[in-house]
PDB file of N, CA and C in Angstrom:
ATOM      1  N   MET A   1      -2.261   7.446  -5.296  1.00  0.00           N
ATOM      2  CA  MET A   1      -1.212   8.214  -4.919  1.00  0.00           C
ATOM      3  C   MET A   1      -0.009   8.157  -5.789  1.00  0.00           C
ATOM      4  N   ILE A   2       0.560   6.806  -5.245  1.00  0.00           N
ATOM      5  CA  ILE A   2       1.798   6.140  -5.666  1.00  0.00           C
ATOM      6  C   ILE A   2       1.947   6.312  -7.352  1.00  0.00           C
ATOM      7  N   VAL A   3       0.974   5.827  -7.805  1.00  0.00           N
ATOM      8  CA  VAL A   3       0.996   5.545  -8.966  1.00  0.00           C
ATOM      9  C   VAL A   3       0.312   6.518 -10.076  1.00  0.00           C
ATOM     10  N   LEU A   4      -0.257   7.281  -9.419  1.00  0.00           N
ATOM     11  CA  LEU A   4      -0.649   8.693 -10.455  1.00  0.00           C
ATOM     12  C   LEU A   4       0.680   9.727 -10.560  1.00  0.00           C
ATOM     13  N   ASP A   5       0.885   9.831  -9.200  1.00  0.00           N
ATOM     14  CA  ASP A   5       2.293  10.997  -9.186  1.00  0.00           C
ATOM     15  C   ASP A   5       3.418  10.017  -9.513  1.00  0.00           C
ATOM     16  N   ASP A   6       3.649   8.847  -9.336  1.00  0.00           N
ATOM     17  CA  ASP A   6       5.047   8.205  -9.668  1.00  0.00           C
ATOM     18  C   ASP A   6       6.209   7.982  -8.833  1.00  0.00           C
ATOM     19  N   GLN A   7       5.327   8.220  -7.553  1.00  0.00           N
ATOM     20  CA  GLN A   7       6.183   7.913  -6.570  1.00  0.00           C
ATOM     21  C   GLN A   7       7.019   6.620  -5.866  1.00  0.00           C
ATOM     22  N   PRO A   8       7.875   6.612  -5.631  1.00  0.00           N
ATOM     23  CA  PRO A   8       8.397   5.763  -4.975  1.00  0.00           C
ATOM     24  C   PRO A   8       7.799   4.729  -4.144  1.00  0.00           C
ATOM     25  N   PHE A   9       7.703   3.963  -3.903  1.00  0.00           N
ATOM     26  CA  PHE A   9       7.232   2.611  -2.763  1.00  0.00           C
ATOM     27  C   PHE A   9       6.980   3.099  -1.385  1.00  0.00           C
ATOM     28  N   ASN A  10       8.229   3.563  -1.315  1.00  0.00           N
ATOM     29  CA  ASN A  10       8.932   3.904  -0.427  1.00  0.00           C
ATOM     30  C   ASN A  10       8.491   5.089   0.534  1.00  0.00           C
ATOM     31  N   VAL A  11       7.511   6.459  -0.287  1.00  0.00           N
ATOM     32  CA  VAL A  11       6.920   7.520   0.272  1.00  0.00           C
ATOM     33  C   VAL A  11       6.092   6.988   1.200  1.00  0.00           C
ATOM     34  N   VAL A  12       5.630   5.770   1.514  1.00  0.00           N
ATOM     35  CA  VAL A  12       4.913   5.396   2.725  1.00  0.00           C
ATOM     36  C   VAL A  12       5.661   5.717   3.978  1.00  0.00           C
ATOM     37  N   ASN A  13       7.116   5.114   3.826  1.00  0.00           N
ATOM     38  CA  ASN A  13       7.778   4.937   5.329  1.00  0.00           C
ATOM     39  C   ASN A  13       7.875   6.963   5.668  1.00  0.00           C
ATOM     40  N   SER A  14       7.684   7.555   5.274  1.00  0.00           N
ATOM     41  CA  SER A  14       8.284   9.242   5.222  1.00  0.00           C
ATOM     42  C   SER A  14       7.684   9.313   6.777  1.00  0.00           C
ATOM     43  N   ARG A  15       8.196  10.151   7.171  1.00  0.00           N
ATOM     44  CA  ARG A  15       7.569  10.864   8.478  1.00  0.00           C
ATOM     45  C   ARG A  15       6.433  12.127   8.430  1.00  0.00           C
ATOM     46  N   GLY A  16       6.912  13.012   7.126  1.00  0.00           N
ATOM     47  CA  GLY A  16       6.275  13.856   6.646  1.00  0.00           C
ATOM     48  C   GLY A  16       4.701  13.305   6.328  1.00  0.00           C
ATOM     49  N   PHE A  17       4.854  12.244   5.292  1.00  0.00           N
ATOM     50  CA  PHE A  17       3.649  11.473   4.420  1.00  0.00           C
ATOM     51  C   PHE A  17       2.961  10.683   5.519  1.00  0.00           C
ATOM     52  N   ARG A  18       3.776  10.334   6.711  1.00  0.00           N
ATOM     53  CA  ARG A  18       2.331   9.646   7.823  1.00  0.00           C
ATOM     54  C   ARG A  18       1.598  10.423   8.458  1.00  0.00           C
ATOM     55  N   ARG A  19       2.333  11.976   8.760  1.00  0.00           N
ATOM     56  CA  ARG A  19       1.562  13.100   8.873  1.00  0.00           C
ATOM     57  C   ARG A  19       0.624  13.654   8.930  1.00  0.00           C
ATOM     58  N   VAL A  20       0.860  13.896   7.024  1.00  0.00           N
ATOM     59  CA  VAL A  20      -0.616  13.896   6.731  1.00  0.00           C
ATOM     60  C   VAL A  20      -1.860  12.947   7.038  1.00  0.00           C
ATOM     61  N   VAL A  21      -1.632  11.970   6.457  1.00  0.00           N
ATOM     62  CA  VAL A  21      -2.213  10.800   6.391  1.00  0.00           C
ATOM     63  C   VAL A  21      -3.310  10.650   8.423  1.00  0.00           C
ATOM     64  N   ALA A  22      -1.903  10.617   9.048  1.00  0.00           N
ATOM     65  CA  ALA A  22      -2.741  10.725  10.753  1.00  0.00           C
ATOM     66  C   ALA A  22      -3.686  12.176  11.014  1.00  0.00           C
ATOM     67  N   VAL A  23      -3.952  13.146  10.429  1.00  0.00           N
ATOM     68  CA  VAL A  23      -4.230  14.109  10.228  1.00  0.00           C
ATOM     69  C   VAL A  23      -6.036  13.596  10.324  1.00  0.00           C
ATOM     70  N   PRO A  24      -6.139  13.228   9.401  1.00  0.00           N
ATOM     71  CA  PRO A  24      -7.972  13.385   8.785  1.00  0.00           C
ATOM     72  C   PRO A  24      -8.577  11.635   9.536  1.00  0.00           C
ATOM     73  N   GLU A  25      -6.932  11.094   9.926  1.00  0.00           N
ATOM     74  CA  GLU A  25      -7.491   9.421  10.554  1.00  0.00           C
ATOM     75  C   GLU A  25      -6.734   8.864  11.255  1.00  0.00           C
ATOM     76  N   PRO A  26      -7.039   9.254  11.700  1.00  0.00           N
ATOM     77  CA  PRO A  26      -5.551   8.864  13.197  1.00  0.00           C
ATOM     78  C   PRO A  26      -5.459   7.942  13.724  1.00  0.00           C
ATOM     79  N   GLN A  27      -6.439   6.926  13.555  1.00  0.00           N
ATOM     80  CA  GLN A  27      -6.386   5.484  13.485  1.00  0.00           C
ATOM     81  C   GLN A  27      -5.698   4.452  12.170  1.00  0.00           C
ATOM     82  N   TYR A  28      -5.401   5.194  10.921  1.00  0.00           N
ATOM     83  CA  TYR A  28      -5.729   4.311  10.400  1.00  0.00           C
ATOM     84  C   TYR A  28      -4.163   3.395  10.484  1.00  0.00           C
ATOM     85  N   THR A  29      -4.029   2.373  10.275  1.00  0.00           N
ATOM     86  CA  THR A  29      -2.348   1.936   9.898  1.00  0.00           C
ATOM     87  C   THR A  29      -1.881   1.916   8.716  1.00  0.00           C
ATOM     88  N   LEU A  30      -0.962   2.976   8.565  1.00  0.00           N
ATOM     89  CA  LEU A  30      -0.430   2.214   7.108  1.00  0.00           C
ATOM     90  C   LEU A  30       0.801   1.372   6.696  1.00  0.00           C
ATOM     91  N   LEU A  31       0.336   0.700   5.554  1.00  0.00           N
ATOM     92  CA  LEU A  31       1.266  -0.829   5.114  1.00  0.00           C
ATOM     93  C   LEU A  31       2.884   0.416   5.089  1.00  0.00           C
ATOM     94  N   ILE A  32       3.403  -0.302   4.496  1.00  0.00           N
ATOM     95  CA  ILE A  32       4.993   0.168   4.684  1.00  0.00           C
ATOM     96  C   ILE A  32       5.447  -0.326   3.235  1.00  0.00           C
ATOM     97  N   GLY A  33       6.037   0.790   2.792  1.00  0.00           N
ATOM     98  CA  GLY A  33       6.435   0.389   1.336  1.00  0.00           C
ATOM     99  C   GLY A  33       6.909  -1.122   0.469  1.00  0.00           C
ATOM    100  N   LYS A  34       7.809  -1.879   1.854  1.00  0.00           N
ATOM    101  CA  LYS A  34       7.907  -3.458   1.840  1.00  0.00           C
ATOM    102  C   LYS A  34       6.773  -3.956   1.286  1.00  0.00           C
ATOM    103  N   TYR A  35       5.653  -3.900   1.441  1.00  0.00           N
ATOM    104  CA  TYR A  35       4.259  -4.970   1.795  1.00  0.00           C
ATOM    105  C   TYR A  35       3.956  -4.446  -0.111  1.00  0.00           C
ATOM    106  N   PHE A  36       3.954  -3.301  -0.480  1.00  0.00           N
ATOM    107  CA  PHE A  36       3.697  -3.004  -2.004  1.00  0.00           C
ATOM    108  C   PHE A  36       5.220  -3.452  -3.132  1.00  0.00           C
ATOM    109  N   ARG A  37       6.249  -3.600  -2.761  1.00  0.00           N
ATOM    110  CA  ARG A  37       6.963  -4.277  -3.731  1.00  0.00           C
ATOM    111  C   ARG A  37       6.949  -5.648  -3.331  1.00  0.00           C
ATOM    112  N   THR A  38       6.542  -6.663  -2.741  1.00  0.00           N
ATOM    113  CA  THR A  38       6.414  -8.011  -2.448  1.00  0.00           C
ATOM    114  C   THR A  38       5.186  -8.508  -2.002  1.00  0.00           C
ATOM    115  N   THR A  39       4.337  -7.889  -2.100  1.00  0.00           N
ATOM    116  CA  THR A  39       2.664  -8.305  -1.701  1.00  0.00           C
ATOM    117  C   THR A  39       1.883  -7.788  -3.050  1.00  0.00           C
ATOM    118  N   LEU A  40       1.491  -6.752  -2.836  1.00  0.00           N
ATOM    119  CA  LEU A  40       0.603  -6.097  -3.718  1.00  0.00           C
ATOM    120  C   LEU A  40       1.119  -6.140  -4.874  1.00  0.00           C
ATOM    121  N   ILE A  41       2.272  -5.510  -6.137  1.00  0.00           N
ATOM    122  CA  ILE A  41       2.010  -5.977  -6.921  1.00  0.00           C
ATOM    123  C   ILE A  41       2.463  -7.065  -7.335  1.00  0.00           C
ATOM    124  N   PRO A  42       3.406  -8.044  -7.087  1.00  0.00           N
ATOM    125  CA  PRO A  42       3.067  -9.643  -7.536  1.00  0.00           C
ATOM    126  C   PRO A  42       1.630  -9.782  -7.531  1.00  0.00           C
ATOM    127  N   GLU A  43       0.837  -9.917  -6.142  1.00  0.00           N
ATOM    128  CA  GLU A  43      -0.479 -10.160  -6.633  1.00  0.00           C
ATOM    129  C   GLU A  43      -1.244  -9.548  -8.102  1.00  0.00           C
ATOM    130  N   LEU A  44      -1.469  -7.886  -7.757  1.00  0.00           N
ATOM    131  CA  LEU A  44      -1.760  -7.416  -9.292  1.00  0.00           C
ATOM    132  C   LEU A  44      -1.099  -7.724 -10.130  1.00  0.00           C
ATOM    133  N   PHE A  45       0.405  -8.304 -10.091  1.00  0.00           N
ATOM    134  CA  PHE A  45       0.809  -8.708 -11.727  1.00  0.00           C
ATOM    135  C   PHE A  45       0.377 -10.694 -12.133  1.00  0.00           C
ATOM    136  N   LYS A  46      -0.146 -11.170 -11.273  1.00  0.00           N
ATOM    137  CA  LYS A  46      -0.503 -12.111 -11.339  1.00  0.00           C
ATOM    138  C   LYS A  46      -2.132 -12.341 -11.720  1.00  0.00           C
ATOM    139  N   THR A  47      -3.099 -11.387 -11.057  1.00  0.00           N
ATOM    140  CA  THR A  47      -3.905 -11.037 -11.671  1.00  0.00           C
ATOM    141  C   THR A  47      -4.389 -10.663 -12.483  1.00  0.00           C
ATOM    142  N   MET A  48      -3.431  -9.596 -13.612  1.00  0.00           N
ATOM    143  CA  MET A  48      -3.637  -8.991 -14.830  1.00  0.00           C
ATOM    144  C   MET A  48      -2.885  -9.535 -15.829  1.00  0.00           C
ATOM    145  N   SER A  49      -1.998 -10.800 -15.292  1.00  0.00           N
ATOM    146  CA  SER A  49      -1.454 -11.721 -16.743  1.00  0.00           C
ATOM    147  C   SER A  49      -1.899 -12.904 -16.785  1.00  0.00           C
ATOM    148  N   ALA A  50      -3.188 -12.964 -15.574  1.00  0.00           N
ATOM    149  CA  ALA A  50      -4.401 -14.313 -15.736  1.00  0.00           C
ATOM    150  C   ALA A  50      -5.515 -13.281 -16.704  1.00  0.00           C
ATOM    151  N   LYS A  51      -5.790 -11.866 -16.723  1.00  0.00           N
ATOM    152  CA  LYS A  51      -6.484 -11.421 -17.636  1.00  0.00           C
ATOM    153  C   LYS A  51      -6.234 -11.465 -18.830  1.00  0.00           C
ATOM    154  N   LEU A  52      -5.071 -10.644 -19.381  1.00  0.00           N
ATOM    155  CA  LEU A  52      -4.518 -10.800 -20.302  1.00  0.00           C
ATOM    156  C   LEU A  52      -4.165 -11.778 -21.009  1.00  0.00           C
ATOM    157  N   ILE A  53      -3.816 -12.714 -20.578  1.00  0.00           N
ATOM    158  CA  ILE A  53      -4.293 -14.448 -21.368  1.00  0.00           C
ATOM    159  C   ILE A  53      -4.984 -14.741 -21.936  1.00  0.00           C
ATOM    160  N   ASP A  54      -5.991 -14.658 -20.847  1.00  0.00           N
ATOM    161  CA  ASP A  54      -7.688 -14.574 -21.426  1.00  0.00           C
ATOM    162  C   ASP A  54      -8.141 -14.081 -22.076  1.00  0.00           C
ATOM    163  N   VAL A  55      -8.240 -12.491 -22.920  1.00  0.00           N
ATOM    164  CA  VAL A  55      -8.516 -11.678 -23.760  1.00  0.00           C
ATOM    165  C   VAL A  55      -7.398 -11.975 -24.570  1.00  0.00           C
ATOM    166  N   LEU A  56      -6.642 -12.498 -24.873  1.00  0.00           N
ATOM    167  CA  LEU A  56      -5.538 -13.146 -25.796  1.00  0.00           C
ATOM    168  C   LEU A  56      -5.912 -13.821 -26.230  1.00  0.00           C
ATOM    169  N   ALA A  57      -6.179 -15.638 -25.513  1.00  0.00           N
ATOM    170  CA  ALA A  57      -6.439 -16.691 -26.190  1.00  0.00           C
ATOM    171  C   ALA A  57      -7.414 -16.222 -27.163  1.00  0.00           C
ATOM    172  N   SER A  58      -8.680 -15.541 -26.328  1.00  0.00           N
ATOM    173  CA  SER A  58     -10.063 -15.490 -27.037  1.00  0.00           C
ATOM    174  C   SER A  58      -9.602 -14.659 -28.137  1.00  0.00           C
ATOM    175  N   ALA A  59      -8.682 -14.071 -28.028  1.00  0.00           N
ATOM    176  CA  ALA A  59      -9.082 -12.705 -29.686  1.00  0.00           C
ATOM    177  C   ALA A  59      -8.449 -13.430 -31.094  1.00  0.00           C
ATOM    178  N   ARG A  60      -9.385 -13.336 -31.848  1.00  0.00           N
ATOM    179  CA  ARG A  60      -9.048 -13.694 -33.540  1.00  0.00           C
ATOM    180  C   ARG A  60      -7.234 -13.282 -34.065  1.00  0.00           C
ATOM    181  N   PHE A  61      -7.520 -11.481 -33.967  1.00  0.00           N
ATOM    182  CA  PHE A  61      -6.270 -10.772 -34.395  1.00  0.00           C
ATOM    183  C   PHE A  61      -5.724 -10.407 -33.436  1.00  0.00           C
ATOM    184  N   VAL A  62      -4.334 -10.200 -33.511  1.00  0.00           N
ATOM    185  CA  VAL A  62      -3.651  -9.418 -32.501  1.00  0.00           C
ATOM    186  C   VAL A  62      -3.226  -8.557 -32.848  1.00  0.00           C
ATOM    187  N   SER A  63      -2.747  -6.970 -32.915  1.00  0.00           N
ATOM    188  CA  SER A  63      -1.762  -6.571 -33.661  1.00  0.00           C
ATOM    189  C   SER A  63      -0.916  -5.348 -32.462  1.00  0.00           C
ATOM    190  N   PHE A  64       0.492  -5.453 -32.952  1.00  0.00           N
ATOM    191  CA  PHE A  64       1.439  -4.429 -31.936  1.00  0.00           C
ATOM    192  C   PHE A  64       1.932  -3.517 -33.340  1.00  0.00           C
ATOM    193  N   THR A  65       1.986  -2.190 -32.150  1.00  0.00           N
ATOM    194  CA  THR A  65       1.941  -0.883 -33.058  1.00  0.00           C
ATOM    195  C   THR A  65       3.996  -0.488 -31.370  1.00  0.00           C
ATOM    196  N   THR A  66       3.940   0.426 -32.762  1.00  0.00           N
ATOM    197  CA  THR A  66       5.124   0.904 -31.521  1.00  0.00           C
ATOM    198  C   THR A  66       5.186   2.539 -31.670  1.00  0.00           C
ATOM    199  N   ASP A  67       5.665   3.747 -31.113  1.00  0.00           N
ATOM    200  CA  ASP A  67       5.704   4.849 -32.081  1.00  0.00           C
ATOM    201  C   ASP A  67       7.162   5.473 -31.062  1.00  0.00           C
ATOM    202  N   SER A  68       8.270   5.205 -32.166  1.00  0.00           N
ATOM    203  CA  SER A  68       9.374   5.706 -31.499  1.00  0.00           C
ATOM    204  C   SER A  68       9.871   6.637 -32.242  1.00  0.00           C
ATOM    205  N   TRP A  69      10.401   7.809 -31.828  1.00  0.00           N
ATOM    206  CA  TRP A  69      11.573   8.870 -32.499  1.00  0.00           C
ATOM    207  C   TRP A  69      12.705   8.949 -32.335  1.00  0.00           C
ATOM    208  N   ARG A  70      13.398  10.223 -32.501  1.00  0.00           N
ATOM    209  CA  ARG A  70      15.003   9.843 -31.880  1.00  0.00           C
ATOM    210  C   ARG A  70      14.972  11.179 -32.461  1.00  0.00           C
ATOM    211  N   THR A  71      16.081  12.095 -31.645  1.00  0.00           N
ATOM    212  CA  THR A  71      17.052  13.498 -31.764  1.00  0.00           C
ATOM    213  C   THR A  71      18.421  13.082 -32.101  1.00  0.00           C
ATOM    214  N   SER A  72      18.301  14.573 -32.109  1.00  0.00           N
ATOM    215  CA  SER A  72      19.971  14.427 -32.002  1.00  0.00           C
ATOM    216  C   SER A  72      20.331  14.575 -30.158  1.00  0.00           C
ATOM    217  N   ARG A  73      20.046  15.182 -29.370  1.00  0.00           N
ATOM    218  CA  ARG A  73      19.826  15.275 -28.139  1.00  0.00           C
ATOM    219  C   ARG A  73      19.875  14.049 -27.410  1.00  0.00           C
ATOM    220  N   SER A  74      19.054  13.021 -28.358  1.00  0.00           N
ATOM    221  CA  SER A  74      18.869  11.628 -27.768  1.00  0.00           C
ATOM    222  C   SER A  74      19.925  10.459 -27.911  1.00  0.00           C
ATOM    223  N   ILE A  75      20.958  10.825 -28.376  1.00  0.00           N
ATOM    224  CA  ILE A  75      22.092  10.175 -29.547  1.00  0.00           C
ATOM    225  C   ILE A  75      23.129  10.188 -28.048  1.00  0.00           C
TER     226      ILE A  75
END
């Protein structure tokens, strides 16, 4: 939900969110937002970085591209 809806990590600390989760599963203990910042995301970064390094190391060619545009409103 946090990633899909682009929510801040601390959404899990809110009273409303905790009430919603407690309805279907009152015994579930929610992790606090700090867990995502200090543990989950760094571990995920380390894992995904290692996988990306493996993929790039075995690649014969690598190509990067970008798509950018600008309007008078963005100046």
